Protein backbone atom coordinates (compact mmCIF):
# COMPACT_ATOMS: atom_id res chain seq x y z
CA MET A 1 5.74 52.04 51.46
CA ALA A 2 6.61 53.92 48.42
CA GLN A 3 9.68 51.52 47.77
CA LYS A 4 7.41 48.78 47.83
CA ASN A 5 4.78 50.21 45.59
CA LEU A 6 7.67 50.81 42.99
CA ASP A 7 8.94 47.27 43.39
CA VAL A 8 5.44 45.84 42.85
CA SER A 9 4.56 47.88 39.86
CA LYS A 10 8.33 47.02 38.42
CA ASN A 11 7.66 43.39 38.71
CA ILE A 12 4.17 43.78 36.96
CA GLU A 13 5.86 45.60 34.02
CA GLN A 14 8.46 42.66 33.73
CA GLU A 15 5.63 40.04 33.83
CA GLU A 16 3.56 42.16 31.02
CA SER A 17 6.53 42.19 29.20
CA ALA A 18 7.18 38.58 29.41
CA ASN A 19 3.82 37.68 28.41
CA ASN A 20 3.87 40.11 25.50
CA GLU A 21 7.17 38.49 23.96
CA ASN A 22 5.66 34.95 24.65
CA THR A 23 2.40 35.70 22.97
CA GLY A 24 2.85 38.55 20.87
CA GLY A 25 5.52 37.77 18.09
CA GLY A 26 7.28 34.98 16.63
CA LEU A 27 6.70 31.94 14.61
CA THR A 28 4.16 30.28 16.71
CA GLY A 29 2.42 33.54 17.70
CA PRO A 30 -1.02 34.68 15.84
CA GLU A 31 0.78 37.32 13.54
CA GLY A 32 3.62 34.96 12.35
CA VAL A 33 1.00 31.97 11.46
CA LEU A 34 -1.36 34.55 9.92
CA MET A 35 1.33 35.86 7.78
CA LEU A 36 3.11 32.72 7.10
CA CYS A 37 -0.14 31.03 5.65
CA VAL A 38 -0.55 34.17 3.52
CA ALA A 39 3.12 34.04 2.26
CA VAL A 40 2.76 30.03 1.49
CA LEU A 41 -0.81 30.70 -0.04
CA LEU A 42 1.02 33.42 -2.47
CA ASP A 43 3.89 31.50 -2.96
CA LEU A 44 1.70 28.17 -3.72
CA VAL A 45 -0.70 29.78 -6.22
CA GLY A 46 2.29 31.37 -8.10
CA PHE A 47 4.05 27.62 -8.01
CA LEU A 48 0.65 26.19 -9.63
CA LEU A 49 0.23 28.99 -12.15
CA PHE A 50 3.69 28.34 -13.27
CA CYS A 51 3.20 24.53 -13.79
CA VAL A 52 0.38 25.11 -15.92
CA SER A 53 1.76 28.09 -17.52
CA TRP A 54 2.59 25.95 -20.46
CA LEU A 55 -1.51 26.45 -21.26
CA GLY A 56 -1.17 29.86 -21.31
CA VAL A 57 -2.23 30.40 -17.92
CA ASP A 58 -0.46 33.70 -16.21
CA ASP A 59 -1.53 36.09 -13.05
CA TYR A 60 0.04 39.22 -14.86
CA GLY A 61 1.77 40.19 -12.05
CA ILE A 62 -1.52 40.23 -9.50
CA LEU A 63 0.15 37.92 -7.07
CA ASP A 64 3.57 39.73 -6.79
CA ILE A 65 0.99 43.36 -6.05
CA LEU A 66 -1.04 41.75 -3.41
CA GLY A 67 2.35 40.09 -1.91
CA MET A 68 3.79 43.92 -2.13
CA ILE A 69 0.54 45.44 -0.42
CA ILE A 70 -0.04 42.60 1.93
CA ILE A 71 3.41 41.45 3.50
CA GLY A 72 4.88 45.22 2.44
CA GLY A 73 2.19 46.89 4.59
CA TRP A 74 2.74 44.22 7.41
CA MET A 75 6.71 44.66 7.50
CA PHE A 76 5.94 48.45 7.57
CA THR A 77 3.26 48.73 10.54
CA ARG A 78 5.49 46.11 12.34
CA GLY A 79 9.21 48.11 11.57
CA SER A 80 7.48 51.29 12.89
CA GLY A 81 9.28 51.45 16.37
CA LEU A 82 12.50 50.07 15.56
CA ASN A 83 15.92 51.59 14.95
CA LYS A 84 17.25 52.44 11.57
CA ASP A 85 19.43 49.61 11.08
CA ILE A 86 16.44 47.05 11.36
CA ILE A 87 14.63 49.04 8.99
CA LYS A 88 17.27 48.93 6.32
CA ARG A 89 17.71 45.31 6.77
CA GLY A 90 13.69 44.59 6.48
CA LEU A 91 13.79 47.03 3.48
CA LYS A 92 16.85 45.03 1.66
CA ARG A 93 14.74 41.96 2.10
CA PHE A 94 11.61 43.17 0.99
CA GLY A 95 13.24 44.65 -2.46
CA PHE A 96 15.11 41.20 -2.96
CA ALA A 97 11.93 39.12 -2.69
CA THR A 98 9.90 41.76 -4.67
CA LEU A 99 12.81 41.34 -7.56
CA THR A 100 12.59 37.95 -7.06
CA GLU A 101 9.26 37.71 -7.85
CA LEU A 102 9.03 39.92 -10.72
CA VAL A 103 11.44 37.57 -12.76
CA PRO A 104 9.63 35.87 -15.18
CA PHE A 105 9.33 32.12 -14.23
CA LEU A 106 11.61 32.78 -11.16
CA GLY A 107 9.18 34.38 -9.33
CA GLY A 108 6.46 31.41 -9.79
CA ILE A 109 9.34 28.76 -8.65
CA ALA A 110 11.17 30.59 -5.56
CA PRO A 111 9.33 30.63 -2.08
CA SER A 112 10.51 34.48 -1.74
CA TRP A 113 7.48 35.65 0.20
CA THR A 114 7.55 32.67 2.60
CA ILE A 115 11.03 33.25 3.16
CA LEU A 116 10.73 36.83 3.60
CA VAL A 117 8.28 36.34 6.12
CA TYR A 118 10.23 33.55 8.12
CA LYS A 119 13.10 35.81 7.92
CA GLU A 120 11.30 38.79 9.23
CA LEU A 121 9.80 36.83 12.10
CA LYS A 122 13.03 35.09 13.14
CA ASN A 123 14.74 38.47 13.22
């Protein structure tokens, strides 16, 4: 009887982990869709501001700060239980995207937030 209960509990745990993998993360999960929308919005607004920058329009780094807070905070909470190698790789990606966004004109052209979120979700 005890062996049967143990087998049933293992099956339930396997089903729950499979359900969590199918609905929790990835590109098509709610987290992925939301974060990709945020990243695309930040990059699109940055590109539009770049296109009209000859009129003297500038965001003065506000989009960069928003991206660092929103996407950086998401990456920090997402990697809270992972090993150190994955965290180091995420920090390298985040640092590269942040530096790209901080370079004048390059930050407006490059979709670095979108690429960062995409690679983080595919990892």
